[in-house]
Every structure is written in C-alpha cells, then in structure tokens.
Amino acid sequence: QVQLVESGGGLVQPGGSLRLSCAASGTTFNAYTMGWYRQAPGKQRELVAHITSRGDTHCADSVKGRFTISRDNAKNTAYLQMNSLKPEDTAVYYCHINWEYWGQGTLVTVSE
C-alpha cells in the first residue's frame, strides 16, 4: 500500500524559510514524478512544483525563485525548500506521487 507522509509545516514570519518533506513507502519511488500542491482557505488546490524521475523540475510562477523542489531516491523522500515566504503562501501543502497518491497535508502559516 502506497503511503505518503508530509512533515515540516508550521508557523513562520514573512521572509522566513521552511523545508517540507514527503516520505513515500510502498512503491518504486524513483520511477515516478513527485510533486506538491497547496490549498489556501476558500481557494482551489493549485500546483506548486514537481520533479520527474530524471530530476527535471517545474515550479509555478508564483513560487519561482523562492521555492526549490528536490528528491533523495535513497531515502524515498521529496523535499520542498521554501524561502522568502509571504503571507499568501499560507496553505495546506500536499505531496503526491505521479498524481495518483496523496499525502494528508501539512499546514504552512506565514504571519507576524
């Protein structure tokens, strides 16, 4: 059974940084694209970033230059490094594997 467990969310001040982790189990991790979406209160879920099995990355325009997605296939884990955080980055962040399996989400709050 495929499981994804996110961690690393929390409360941070504007301009601060957080690193989210997504640990996968029950699948051949390195064969698939991993990614992150987020959903803010009252809004639709939106793409944040994804990374292919080859390591090619794509980030949404809203986070380019601030967020970096990476993966460690030896640890079956994907990461989202978030720098220069803004209040509008506040959301529940969800990781996925191949857009097929999803984690439970981790809350990121950017506020004074």
PDB file of N, CA and C in Angstrom:
ATOM      1  N   GLN A   1       0.853  -1.190   0.000  1.00  0.00           N
ATOM      2  CA  GLN A   1       0.000   0.000   0.000  1.00  0.00           C
ATOM      3  C   GLN A   1       0.888   1.239   0.000  1.00  0.00           C
ATOM      4  N   VAL A   2       0.591   2.155  -0.920  1.00  0.00           N
ATOM      5  CA  VAL A   2       1.382   3.371  -1.036  1.00  0.00           C
ATOM      6  C   VAL A   2       0.980   4.350   0.060  1.00  0.00           C
ATOM      7  N   GLN A   3       1.978   4.884   0.728  1.00  0.00           N
ATOM      8  CA  GLN A   3       1.723   5.906   1.747  1.00  0.00           C
ATOM      9  C   GLN A   3       2.690   7.059   1.546  1.00  0.00           C
ATOM     10  N   LEU A   4       2.170   8.272   1.720  1.00  0.00           N
ATOM     11  CA  LEU A   4       2.972   9.486   1.678  1.00  0.00           C
ATOM     12  C   LEU A   4       2.745  10.236   2.983  1.00  0.00           C
ATOM     13  N   VAL A   5       3.837  10.615   3.625  1.00  0.00           N
ATOM     14  CA  VAL A   5       3.738  11.321   4.892  1.00  0.00           C
ATOM     15  C   VAL A   5       4.521  12.620   4.787  1.00  0.00           C
ATOM     16  N   GLU A   6       3.786  13.740   4.893  1.00  0.00           N
ATOM     17  CA  GLU A   6       4.421  15.052   4.842  1.00  0.00           C
ATOM     18  C   GLU A   6       4.797  15.513   6.244  1.00  0.00           C
ATOM     19  N   SER A   7       5.828  16.329   6.306  1.00  0.00           N
ATOM     20  CA  SER A   7       6.225  16.940   7.567  1.00  0.00           C
ATOM     21  C   SER A   7       6.947  18.244   7.269  1.00  0.00           C
ATOM     22  N   GLY A   8       7.128  19.046   8.315  1.00  0.00           N
ATOM     23  CA  GLY A   8       7.904  20.265   8.170  1.00  0.00           C
ATOM     24  C   GLY A   8       7.107  21.547   8.159  1.00  0.00           C
ATOM     25  N   GLY A   9       5.793  21.443   8.154  1.00  0.00           N
ATOM     26  CA  GLY A   9       4.981  22.654   8.181  1.00  0.00           C
ATOM     27  C   GLY A   9       5.032  23.336   9.529  1.00  0.00           C
ATOM     28  N   GLY A  10       4.466  24.537   9.583  1.00  0.00           N
ATOM     29  CA  GLY A  10       4.443  25.276  10.838  1.00  0.00           C
ATOM     30  C   GLY A  10       4.186  26.741  10.607  1.00  0.00           C
ATOM     31  N   LEU A  11       4.421  27.516  11.651  1.00  0.00           N
ATOM     32  CA  LEU A  11       4.232  28.962  11.621  1.00  0.00           C
ATOM     33  C   LEU A  11       5.579  29.640  11.405  1.00  0.00           C
ATOM     34  N   VAL A  12       5.626  30.554  10.453  1.00  0.00           N
ATOM     35  CA  VAL A  12       6.860  31.271  10.160  1.00  0.00           C
ATOM     36  C   VAL A  12       6.522  32.717   9.838  1.00  0.00           C
ATOM     37  N   GLN A  13       7.445  33.614  10.137  1.00  0.00           N
ATOM     38  CA  GLN A  13       7.229  35.025   9.829  1.00  0.00           C
ATOM     39  C   GLN A  13       7.490  35.297   8.356  1.00  0.00           C
ATOM     40  N   PRO A  14       6.884  36.334   7.818  1.00  0.00           N
ATOM     41  CA  PRO A  14       7.186  36.715   6.420  1.00  0.00           C
ATOM     42  C   PRO A  14       8.685  36.899   6.226  1.00  0.00           C
ATOM     43  N   GLY A  15       9.174  36.382   5.093  1.00  0.00           N
ATOM     44  CA  GLY A  15      10.600  36.419   4.810  1.00  0.00           C
ATOM     45  C   GLY A  15      11.354  35.217   5.312  1.00  0.00           C
ATOM     46  N   GLY A  16      10.701  34.393   6.107  1.00  0.00           N
ATOM     47  CA  GLY A  16      11.356  33.214   6.673  1.00  0.00           C
ATOM     48  C   GLY A  16      11.374  32.033   5.715  1.00  0.00           C
ATOM     49  N   SER A  17      11.892  30.904   6.222  1.00  0.00           N
ATOM     50  CA  SER A  17      12.039  29.700   5.412  1.00  0.00           C
ATOM     51  C   SER A  17      11.492  28.477   6.142  1.00  0.00           C
ATOM     52  N   LEU A  18      11.067  27.519   5.362  1.00  0.00           N
ATOM     53  CA  LEU A  18      10.678  26.211   5.866  1.00  0.00           C
ATOM     54  C   LEU A  18      11.087  25.173   4.834  1.00  0.00           C
ATOM     55  N   ARG A  19      11.321  23.942   5.282  1.00  0.00           N
ATOM     56  CA  ARG A  19      11.541  22.837   4.366  1.00  0.00           C
ATOM     57  C   ARG A  19      10.537  21.742   4.656  1.00  0.00           C
ATOM     58  N   LEU A  20       9.734  21.437   3.655  1.00  0.00           N
ATOM     59  CA  LEU A  20       8.770  20.349   3.762  1.00  0.00           C
ATOM     60  C   LEU A  20       9.399  19.057   3.255  1.00  0.00           C
ATOM     61  N   SER A  21       9.023  17.958   3.893  1.00  0.00           N
ATOM     62  CA  SER A  21       9.467  16.633   3.469  1.00  0.00           C
ATOM     63  C   SER A  21       8.262  15.766   3.148  1.00  0.00           C
ATOM     64  N   CYS A  22       8.444  14.868   2.214  1.00  0.00           N
ATOM     65  CA  CYS A  22       7.388  13.912   1.851  1.00  0.00           C
ATOM     66  C   CYS A  22       8.041  12.545   1.729  1.00  0.00           C
ATOM     67  N   ALA A  23       7.783  11.691   2.704  1.00  0.00           N
ATOM     68  CA  ALA A  23       8.366  10.357   2.721  1.00  0.00           C
ATOM     69  C   ALA A  23       7.381   9.352   2.130  1.00  0.00           C
ATOM     70  N   ALA A  24       7.846   8.597   1.159  1.00  0.00           N
ATOM     71  CA  ALA A  24       6.985   7.632   0.471  1.00  0.00           C
ATOM     72  C   ALA A  24       7.357   6.205   0.860  1.00  0.00           C
ATOM     73  N   SER A  25       6.355   5.348   0.857  1.00  0.00           N
ATOM     74  CA  SER A  25       6.577   3.928   1.087  1.00  0.00           C
ATOM     75  C   SER A  25       5.576   3.132   0.270  1.00  0.00           C
ATOM     76  N   GLY A  26       5.930   1.875  -0.018  1.00  0.00           N
ATOM     77  CA  GLY A  26       5.014   1.000  -0.723  1.00  0.00           C
ATOM     78  C   GLY A  26       5.028   1.120  -2.230  1.00  0.00           C
ATOM     79  N   THR A  27       6.035   1.813  -2.779  1.00  0.00           N
ATOM     80  CA  THR A  27       6.111   1.960  -4.225  1.00  0.00           C
ATOM     81  C   THR A  27       7.555   2.128  -4.649  1.00  0.00           C
ATOM     82  N   THR A  28       7.774   1.991  -5.948  1.00  0.00           N
ATOM     83  CA  THR A  28       9.105   2.212  -6.509  1.00  0.00           C
ATOM     84  C   THR A  28       9.279   3.711  -6.687  1.00  0.00           C
ATOM     85  N   PHE A  29       9.733   4.351  -5.653  1.00  0.00           N
ATOM     86  CA  PHE A  29       9.761   5.813  -5.564  1.00  0.00           C
ATOM     87  C   PHE A  29      10.462   6.451  -6.747  1.00  0.00           C
ATOM     88  N   ASN A  30      11.640   5.926  -7.105  1.00  0.00           N
ATOM     89  CA  ASN A  30      12.453   6.631  -8.088  1.00  0.00           C
ATOM     90  C   ASN A  30      11.914   6.527  -9.504  1.00  0.00           C
ATOM     91  N   ALA A  31      10.833   5.788  -9.713  1.00  0.00           N
ATOM     92  CA  ALA A  31      10.275   5.642 -11.055  1.00  0.00           C
ATOM     93  C   ALA A  31       9.252   6.705 -11.398  1.00  0.00           C
ATOM     94  N   TYR A  32       8.859   7.510 -10.436  1.00  0.00           N
ATOM     95  CA  TYR A  32       7.705   8.382 -10.628  1.00  0.00           C
ATOM     96  C   TYR A  32       7.995   9.844 -10.357  1.00  0.00           C
ATOM     97  N   THR A  33       7.145  10.695 -10.946  1.00  0.00           N
ATOM     98  CA  THR A  33       7.163  12.116 -10.627  1.00  0.00           C
ATOM     99  C   THR A  33       6.596  12.338  -9.235  1.00  0.00           C
ATOM    100  N   MET A  34       7.243  13.214  -8.493  1.00  0.00           N
ATOM    101  CA  MET A  34       6.754  13.648  -7.182  1.00  0.00           C
ATOM    102  C   MET A  34       6.425  15.129  -7.271  1.00  0.00           C
ATOM    103  N   GLY A  35       5.485  15.556  -6.467  1.00  0.00           N
ATOM    104  CA  GLY A  35       5.158  16.973  -6.539  1.00  0.00           C
ATOM    105  C   GLY A  35       4.422  17.476  -5.324  1.00  0.00           C
ATOM    106  N   TRP A  36       4.206  18.776  -5.336  1.00  0.00           N
ATOM    107  CA  TRP A  36       3.499  19.462  -4.256  1.00  0.00           C
ATOM    108  C   TRP A  36       2.398  20.337  -4.838  1.00  0.00           C
ATOM    109  N   TYR A  37       1.259  20.313  -4.183  1.00  0.00           N
ATOM    110  CA  TYR A  37       0.174  21.236  -4.418  1.00  0.00           C
ATOM    111  C   TYR A  37      -0.123  21.923  -3.090  1.00  0.00           C
ATOM    112  N   ARG A  38      -0.873  22.987  -3.160  1.00  0.00           N
ATOM    113  CA  ARG A  38      -1.313  23.654  -1.937  1.00  0.00           C
ATOM    114  C   ARG A  38      -2.748  24.140  -2.090  1.00  0.00           C
ATOM    115  N   GLN A  39      -3.402  24.267  -0.946  1.00  0.00           N
ATOM    116  CA  GLN A  39      -4.767  24.770  -0.937  1.00  0.00           C
ATOM    117  C   GLN A  39      -4.926  25.752   0.207  1.00  0.00           C
ATOM    118  N   ALA A  40      -5.202  26.984  -0.166  1.00  0.00           N
ATOM    119  CA  ALA A  40      -5.444  28.029   0.821  1.00  0.00           C
ATOM    120  C   ALA A  40      -6.926  28.050   1.181  1.00  0.00           C
ATOM    121  N   PRO A  41      -7.279  28.588   2.341  1.00  0.00           N
ATOM    122  CA  PRO A  41      -8.690  28.637   2.749  1.00  0.00           C
ATOM    123  C   PRO A  41      -9.546  29.325   1.699  1.00  0.00           C
ATOM    124  N   GLY A  42     -10.610  28.651   1.283  1.00  0.00           N
ATOM    125  CA  GLY A  42     -11.542  29.235   0.333  1.00  0.00           C
ATOM    126  C   GLY A  42     -11.073  29.225  -1.104  1.00  0.00           C
ATOM    127  N   LYS A  43      -9.932  28.585  -1.363  1.00  0.00           N
ATOM    128  CA  LYS A  43      -9.410  28.567  -2.724  1.00  0.00           C
ATOM    129  C   LYS A  43      -9.250  27.139  -3.226  1.00  0.00           C
ATOM    130  N   GLN A  44      -9.087  27.014  -4.527  1.00  0.00           N
ATOM    131  CA  GLN A  44      -8.863  25.708  -5.118  1.00  0.00           C
ATOM    132  C   GLN A  44      -7.415  25.256  -4.901  1.00  0.00           C
ATOM    133  N   ARG A  45      -7.237  23.947  -4.933  1.00  0.00           N
ATOM    134  CA  ARG A  45      -5.880  23.407  -4.842  1.00  0.00           C
ATOM    135  C   ARG A  45      -5.099  23.833  -6.084  1.00  0.00           C
ATOM    136  N   GLU A  46      -3.854  24.234  -5.889  1.00  0.00           N
ATOM    137  CA  GLU A  46      -3.042  24.700  -7.014  1.00  0.00           C
ATOM    138  C   GLU A  46      -1.669  24.049  -6.998  1.00  0.00           C
ATOM    139  N   LEU A  47      -1.110  23.936  -8.194  1.00  0.00           N
ATOM    140  CA  LEU A  47       0.219  23.361  -8.348  1.00  0.00           C
ATOM    141  C   LEU A  47       1.269  24.257  -7.700  1.00  0.00           C
ATOM    142  N   VAL A  48       2.208  23.649  -7.011  1.00  0.00           N
ATOM    143  CA  VAL A  48       3.367  24.372  -6.504  1.00  0.00           C
ATOM    144  C   VAL A  48       4.599  23.997  -7.318  1.00  0.00           C
ATOM    145  N   ALA A  49       4.918  22.710  -7.358  1.00  0.00           N
ATOM    146  CA  ALA A  49       6.113  22.260  -8.075  1.00  0.00           C
ATOM    147  C   ALA A  49       6.062  20.751  -8.232  1.00  0.00           C
ATOM    148  N   HIS A  50       6.818  20.266  -9.242  1.00  0.00           N
ATOM    149  CA  HIS A  50       7.004  18.832  -9.323  1.00  0.00           C
ATOM    150  C   HIS A  50       8.390  18.516  -9.857  1.00  0.00           C
ATOM    151  N   ILE A  51       8.811  17.274  -9.635  1.00  0.00           N
ATOM    152  CA  ILE A  51      10.129  16.815 -10.076  1.00  0.00           C
ATOM    153  C   ILE A  51       9.957  15.419 -10.665  1.00  0.00           C
ATOM    154  N   THR A  52      10.484  15.235 -11.870  1.00  0.00           N
ATOM    155  CA  THR A  52      10.340  13.959 -12.542  1.00  0.00           C
ATOM    156  C   THR A  52      11.341  12.935 -12.002  1.00  0.00           C
ATOM    157  N   SER A  53      11.195  11.718 -12.480  1.00  0.00           N
ATOM    158  CA  SER A  53      12.120  10.660 -12.075  1.00  0.00           C
ATOM    159  C   SER A  53      13.539  10.969 -12.532  1.00  0.00           C
ATOM    160  N   ARG A  54      13.675  11.768 -13.595  1.00  0.00           N
ATOM    161  CA  ARG A  54      15.006  12.135 -14.093  1.00  0.00           C
ATOM    162  C   ARG A  54      15.579  13.338 -13.363  1.00  0.00           C
ATOM    163  N   GLY A  55      14.735  13.986 -12.547  1.00  0.00           N
ATOM    164  CA  GLY A  55      15.206  15.149 -11.823  1.00  0.00           C
ATOM    165  C   GLY A  55      14.854  16.475 -12.470  1.00  0.00           C
ATOM    166  N   ASP A  56      14.090  16.449 -13.565  1.00  0.00           N
ATOM    167  CA  ASP A  56      13.624  17.690 -14.169  1.00  0.00           C
ATOM    168  C   ASP A  56      12.565  18.314 -13.266  1.00  0.00           C
ATOM    169  N   THR A  57      12.638  19.623 -13.102  1.00  0.00           N
ATOM    170  CA  THR A  57      11.724  20.288 -12.172  1.00  0.00           C
ATOM    171  C   THR A  57      10.864  21.328 -12.875  1.00  0.00           C
ATOM    172  N   HIS A  58       9.742  21.593 -12.263  1.00  0.00           N
ATOM    173  CA  HIS A  58       8.845  22.647 -12.730  1.00  0.00           C
ATOM    174  C   HIS A  58       8.242  23.308 -11.503  1.00  0.00           C
ATOM    175  N   CYS A  59       8.256  24.644 -11.485  1.00  0.00           N
ATOM    176  CA  CYS A  59       7.658  25.395 -10.382  1.00  0.00           C
ATOM    177  C   CYS A  59       6.618  26.367 -10.929  1.00  0.00           C
ATOM    178  N   ALA A  60       5.583  26.586 -10.149  1.00  0.00           N
ATOM    179  CA  ALA A  60       4.586  27.584 -10.507  1.00  0.00           C
ATOM    180  C   ALA A  60       5.226  28.967 -10.515  1.00  0.00           C
ATOM    181  N   ASP A  61       4.708  29.851 -11.362  1.00  0.00           N
ATOM    182  CA  ASP A  61       5.278  31.194 -11.451  1.00  0.00           C
ATOM    183  C   ASP A  61       5.261  31.908 -10.101  1.00  0.00           C
ATOM    184  N   SER A  62       4.257  31.626  -9.308  1.00  0.00           N
ATOM    185  CA  SER A  62       4.102  32.322  -8.030  1.00  0.00           C
ATOM    186  C   SER A  62       5.202  31.987  -7.025  1.00  0.00           C
ATOM    187  N   VAL A  63       5.918  30.894  -7.245  1.00  0.00           N
ATOM    188  CA  VAL A  63       6.950  30.486  -6.291  1.00  0.00           C
ATOM    189  C   VAL A  63       8.343  30.408  -6.911  1.00  0.00           C
ATOM    190  N   LYS A  64       8.443  30.652  -8.209  1.00  0.00           N
ATOM    191  CA  LYS A  64       9.751  30.581  -8.873  1.00  0.00           C
ATOM    192  C   LYS A  64      10.739  31.549  -8.228  1.00  0.00           C
ATOM    193  N   GLY A  65      11.948  31.045  -8.039  1.00  0.00           N
ATOM    194  CA  GLY A  65      12.978  31.866  -7.406  1.00  0.00           C
ATOM    195  C   GLY A  65      12.933  31.848  -5.899  1.00  0.00           C
ATOM    196  N   ARG A  66      11.859  31.303  -5.325  1.00  0.00           N
ATOM    197  CA  ARG A  66      11.737  31.248  -3.866  1.00  0.00           C
ATOM    198  C   ARG A  66      11.684  29.802  -3.355  1.00  0.00           C
ATOM    199  N   PHE A  67      11.016  28.933  -4.108  1.00  0.00           N
ATOM    200  CA  PHE A  67      10.850  27.535  -3.699  1.00  0.00           C
ATOM    201  C   PHE A  67      11.711  26.637  -4.585  1.00  0.00           C
ATOM    202  N   THR A  68      12.242  25.576  -3.993  1.00  0.00           N
ATOM    203  CA  THR A  68      13.017  24.597  -4.731  1.00  0.00           C
ATOM    204  C   THR A  68      12.551  23.200  -4.353  1.00  0.00           C
ATOM    205  N   ILE A  69      12.264  22.405  -5.368  1.00  0.00           N
ATOM    206  CA  ILE A  69      11.871  21.017  -5.132  1.00  0.00           C
ATOM    207  C   ILE A  69      13.065  20.115  -5.423  1.00  0.00           C
ATOM    208  N   SER A  70      13.220  19.078  -4.611  1.00  0.00           N
ATOM    209  CA  SER A  70      14.299  18.124  -4.807  1.00  0.00           C
ATOM    210  C   SER A  70      13.836  16.752  -4.333  1.00  0.00           C
ATOM    211  N   ARG A  71      14.647  15.754  -4.588  1.00  0.00           N
ATOM    212  CA  ARG A  71      14.304  14.399  -4.154  1.00  0.00           C
ATOM    213  C   ARG A  71      15.575  13.651  -3.799  1.00  0.00           C
ATOM    214  N   ASP A  72      15.441  12.728  -2.865  1.00  0.00           N
ATOM    215  CA  ASP A  72      16.522  11.833  -2.482  1.00  0.00           C
ATOM    216  C   ASP A  72      15.978  10.419  -2.664  1.00  0.00           C
ATOM    217  N   ASN A  73      16.327   9.791  -3.764  1.00  0.00           N
ATOM    218  CA  ASN A  73      15.757   8.476  -4.063  1.00  0.00           C
ATOM    219  C   ASN A  73      16.222   7.414  -3.061  1.00  0.00           C
ATOM    220  N   ALA A  74      17.396   7.600  -2.483  1.00  0.00           N
ATOM    221  CA  ALA A  74      17.886   6.629  -1.495  1.00  0.00           C
ATOM    222  C   ALA A  74      17.035   6.656  -0.227  1.00  0.00           C
ATOM    223  N   LYS A  75      16.410   7.799   0.039  1.00  0.00           N
ATOM    224  CA  LYS A  75      15.569   7.942   1.232  1.00  0.00           C
ATOM    225  C   LYS A  75      14.083   7.921   0.900  1.00  0.00           C
ATOM    226  N   ASN A  76      13.754   7.723  -0.373  1.00  0.00           N
ATOM    227  CA  ASN A  76      12.339   7.734  -0.785  1.00  0.00           C
ATOM    228  C   ASN A  76      11.626   8.997  -0.318  1.00  0.00           C
ATOM    229  N   THR A  77      12.299  10.115  -0.423  1.00  0.00           N
ATOM    230  CA  THR A  77      11.775  11.361   0.116  1.00  0.00           C
ATOM    231  C   THR A  77      11.930  12.501  -0.885  1.00  0.00           C
ATOM    232  N   ALA A  78      10.882  13.308  -0.976  1.00  0.00           N
ATOM    233  CA  ALA A  78      10.919  14.539  -1.751  1.00  0.00           C
ATOM    234  C   ALA A  78      10.884  15.718  -0.786  1.00  0.00           C
ATOM    235  N   TYR A  79      11.473  16.823  -1.222  1.00  0.00           N
ATOM    236  CA  TYR A  79      11.569  17.999  -0.361  1.00  0.00           C
ATOM    237  C   TYR A  79      11.061  19.235  -1.103  1.00  0.00           C
ATOM    238  N   LEU A  80      10.574  20.184  -0.333  1.00  0.00           N
ATOM    239  CA  LEU A  80      10.225  21.491  -0.871  1.00  0.00           C
ATOM    240  C   LEU A  80      10.858  22.531   0.043  1.00  0.00           C
ATOM    241  N   GLN A  81      11.930  23.145  -0.435  1.00  0.00           N
ATOM    242  CA  GLN A  81      12.584  24.224   0.299  1.00  0.00           C
ATOM    243  C   GLN A  81      11.880  25.521  -0.042  1.00  0.00           C
ATOM    244  N   MET A  82      11.357  26.196   0.961  1.00  0.00           N
ATOM    245  CA  MET A  82      10.585  27.414   0.749  1.00  0.00           C
ATOM    246  C   MET A  82      11.290  28.566   1.438  1.00  0.00           C
ATOM    247  N   ASN A  83      11.733  29.526   0.649  1.00  0.00           N
ATOM    248  CA  ASN A  83      12.422  30.706   1.158  1.00  0.00           C
ATOM    249  C   ASN A  83      11.596  31.965   0.860  1.00  0.00           C
ATOM    250  N   SER A  84      11.946  33.043   1.524  1.00  0.00           N
ATOM    251  CA  SER A  84      11.267  34.330   1.305  1.00  0.00           C
ATOM    252  C   SER A  84       9.746  34.157   1.341  1.00  0.00           C
ATOM    253  N   LEU A  85       9.280  33.489   2.351  1.00  0.00           N
ATOM    254  CA  LEU A  85       7.855  33.183   2.442  1.00  0.00           C
ATOM    255  C   LEU A  85       7.022  34.441   2.617  1.00  0.00           C
ATOM    256  N   LYS A  86       5.835  34.407   2.012  1.00  0.00           N
ATOM    257  CA  LYS A  86       4.900  35.527   2.048  1.00  0.00           C
ATOM    258  C   LYS A  86       3.593  35.061   2.689  1.00  0.00           C
ATOM    259  N   PRO A  87       2.814  35.996   3.226  1.00  0.00           N
ATOM    260  CA  PRO A  87       1.518  35.602   3.803  1.00  0.00           C
ATOM    261  C   PRO A  87       0.644  34.825   2.817  1.00  0.00           C
ATOM    262  N   GLU A  88       0.745  35.151   1.533  1.00  0.00           N
ATOM    263  CA  GLU A  88      -0.077  34.458   0.541  1.00  0.00           C
ATOM    264  C   GLU A  88       0.379  33.026   0.277  1.00  0.00           C
ATOM    265  N   ASP A  89       1.491  32.614   0.869  1.00  0.00           N
ATOM    266  CA  ASP A  89       1.915  31.217   0.787  1.00  0.00           C
ATOM    267  C   ASP A  89       1.213  30.346   1.840  1.00  0.00           C
ATOM    268  N   THR A  90       0.459  30.989   2.724  1.00  0.00           N
ATOM    269  CA  THR A  90      -0.259  30.240   3.742  1.00  0.00           C
ATOM    270  C   THR A  90      -1.254  29.277   3.097  1.00  0.00           C
ATOM    271  N   ALA A  91      -1.136  28.006   3.434  1.00  0.00           N
ATOM    272  CA  ALA A  91      -1.980  26.973   2.824  1.00  0.00           C
ATOM    273  C   ALA A  91      -1.657  25.618   3.454  1.00  0.00           C
ATOM    274  N   VAL A  92      -2.491  24.650   3.162  1.00  0.00           N
ATOM    275  CA  VAL A  92      -2.144  23.260   3.428  1.00  0.00           C
ATOM    276  C   VAL A  92      -1.415  22.738   2.198  1.00  0.00           C
ATOM    277  N   TYR A  93      -0.241  22.174   2.414  1.00  0.00           N
ATOM    278  CA  TYR A  93       0.589  21.672   1.328  1.00  0.00           C
ATOM    279  C   TYR A  93       0.482  20.144   1.271  1.00  0.00           C
ATOM    280  N   TYR A  94       0.196  19.655   0.074  1.00  0.00           N
ATOM    281  CA  TYR A  94       0.017  18.223  -0.147  1.00  0.00           C
ATOM    282  C   TYR A  94       1.080  17.717  -1.117  1.00  0.00           C
ATOM    283  N   CYS A  95       1.674  16.596  -0.814  1.00  0.00           N
ATOM    284  CA  CYS A  95       2.568  15.981  -1.797  1.00  0.00           C
ATOM    285  C   CYS A  95       1.833  14.847  -2.506  1.00  0.00           C
ATOM    286  N   HIS A  96       2.293  14.537  -3.691  1.00  0.00           N
ATOM    287  CA  HIS A  96       1.710  13.439  -4.456  1.00  0.00           C
ATOM    288  C   HIS A  96       2.830  12.645  -5.130  1.00  0.00           C
ATOM    289  N   ILE A  97       2.491  11.448  -5.506  1.00  0.00           N
ATOM    290  CA  ILE A  97       3.375  10.658  -6.340  1.00  0.00           C
ATOM    291  C   ILE A  97       2.595  10.319  -7.596  1.00  0.00           C
ATOM    292  N   ASN A  98       3.107  10.794  -8.707  1.00  0.00           N
ATOM    293  CA  ASN A  98       2.505  10.534 -10.012  1.00  0.00           C
ATOM    294  C   ASN A  98       1.054  10.975 -10.103  1.00  0.00           C
ATOM    295  N   TRP A  99       0.661  11.961  -9.323  1.00  0.00           N
ATOM    296  CA  TRP A  99      -0.708  12.494  -9.294  1.00  0.00           C
ATOM    297  C   TRP A  99      -1.723  11.391  -8.974  1.00  0.00           C
ATOM    298  N   GLU A 100      -1.252  10.315  -8.385  1.00  0.00           N
ATOM    299  CA  GLU A 100      -2.133   9.184  -8.119  1.00  0.00           C
ATOM    300  C   GLU A 100      -2.362   8.983  -6.629  1.00  0.00           C
ATOM    301  N   TYR A 101      -1.333   9.151  -5.865  1.00  0.00           N
ATOM    302  CA  TYR A 101      -1.426   9.011  -4.410  1.00  0.00           C
ATOM    303  C   TYR A 101      -1.052  10.344  -3.761  1.00  0.00           C
ATOM    304  N   TRP A 102      -1.741  10.635  -2.652  1.00  0.00           N
ATOM    305  CA  TRP A 102      -1.568  11.935  -1.996  1.00  0.00           C
ATOM    306  C   TRP A 102      -1.338  11.749  -0.510  1.00  0.00           C
ATOM    307  N   GLY A 103      -0.575  12.682   0.064  1.00  0.00           N
ATOM    308  CA  GLY A 103      -0.395  12.702   1.495  1.00  0.00           C
ATOM    309  C   GLY A 103      -1.563  13.395   2.179  1.00  0.00           C
ATOM    310  N   GLN A 104      -1.478  13.466   3.504  1.00  0.00           N
ATOM    311  CA  GLN A 104      -2.570  14.037   4.292  1.00  0.00           C
ATOM    312  C   GLN A 104      -2.501  15.555   4.386  1.00  0.00           C
ATOM    313  N   GLY A 105      -1.374  16.113   3.997  1.00  0.00           N
ATOM    314  CA  GLY A 105      -1.212  17.566   4.021  1.00  0.00           C
ATOM    315  C   GLY A 105      -0.503  18.059   5.269  1.00  0.00           C
ATOM    316  N   THR A 106       0.211  19.159   5.115  1.00  0.00           N
ATOM    317  CA  THR A 106       0.865  19.812   6.246  1.00  0.00           C
ATOM    318  C   THR A 106       0.603  21.313   6.130  1.00  0.00           C
ATOM    319  N   LEU A 107       0.243  21.922   7.238  1.00  0.00           N
ATOM    320  CA  LEU A 107      -0.164  23.328   7.237  1.00  0.00           C
ATOM    321  C   LEU A 107       1.048  24.240   7.346  1.00  0.00           C
ATOM    322  N   VAL A 108       1.112  25.214   6.443  1.00  0.00           N
ATOM    323  CA  VAL A 108       2.121  26.274   6.491  1.00  0.00           C
ATOM    324  C   VAL A 108       1.390  27.597   6.707  1.00  0.00           C
ATOM    325  N   THR A 109       1.766  28.285   7.753  1.00  0.00           N
ATOM    326  CA  THR A 109       1.175  29.584   8.066  1.00  0.00           C
ATOM    327  C   THR A 109       2.280  30.624   8.090  1.00  0.00           C
ATOM    328  N   VAL A 110       2.124  31.652   7.257  1.00  0.00           N
ATOM    329  CA  VAL A 110       3.102  32.741   7.196  1.00  0.00           C
ATOM    330  C   VAL A 110       2.422  33.991   7.758  1.00  0.00           C
ATOM    331  N   SER A 111       2.881  34.405   8.916  1.00  0.00           N
ATOM    332  CA  SER A 111       2.212  35.505   9.611  1.00  0.00           C
ATOM    333  C   SER A 111       3.141  36.111  10.640  1.00  0.00           C
ATOM    334  N   GLU A 112       2.885  37.403  10.939  1.00  0.00           N
ATOM    335  CA  GLU A 112       3.620  38.053  12.021  1.00  0.00           C
ATOM    336  C   GLU A 112       3.150  37.503  13.360  1.00  0.00           C
TER     337      GLU A 112
END
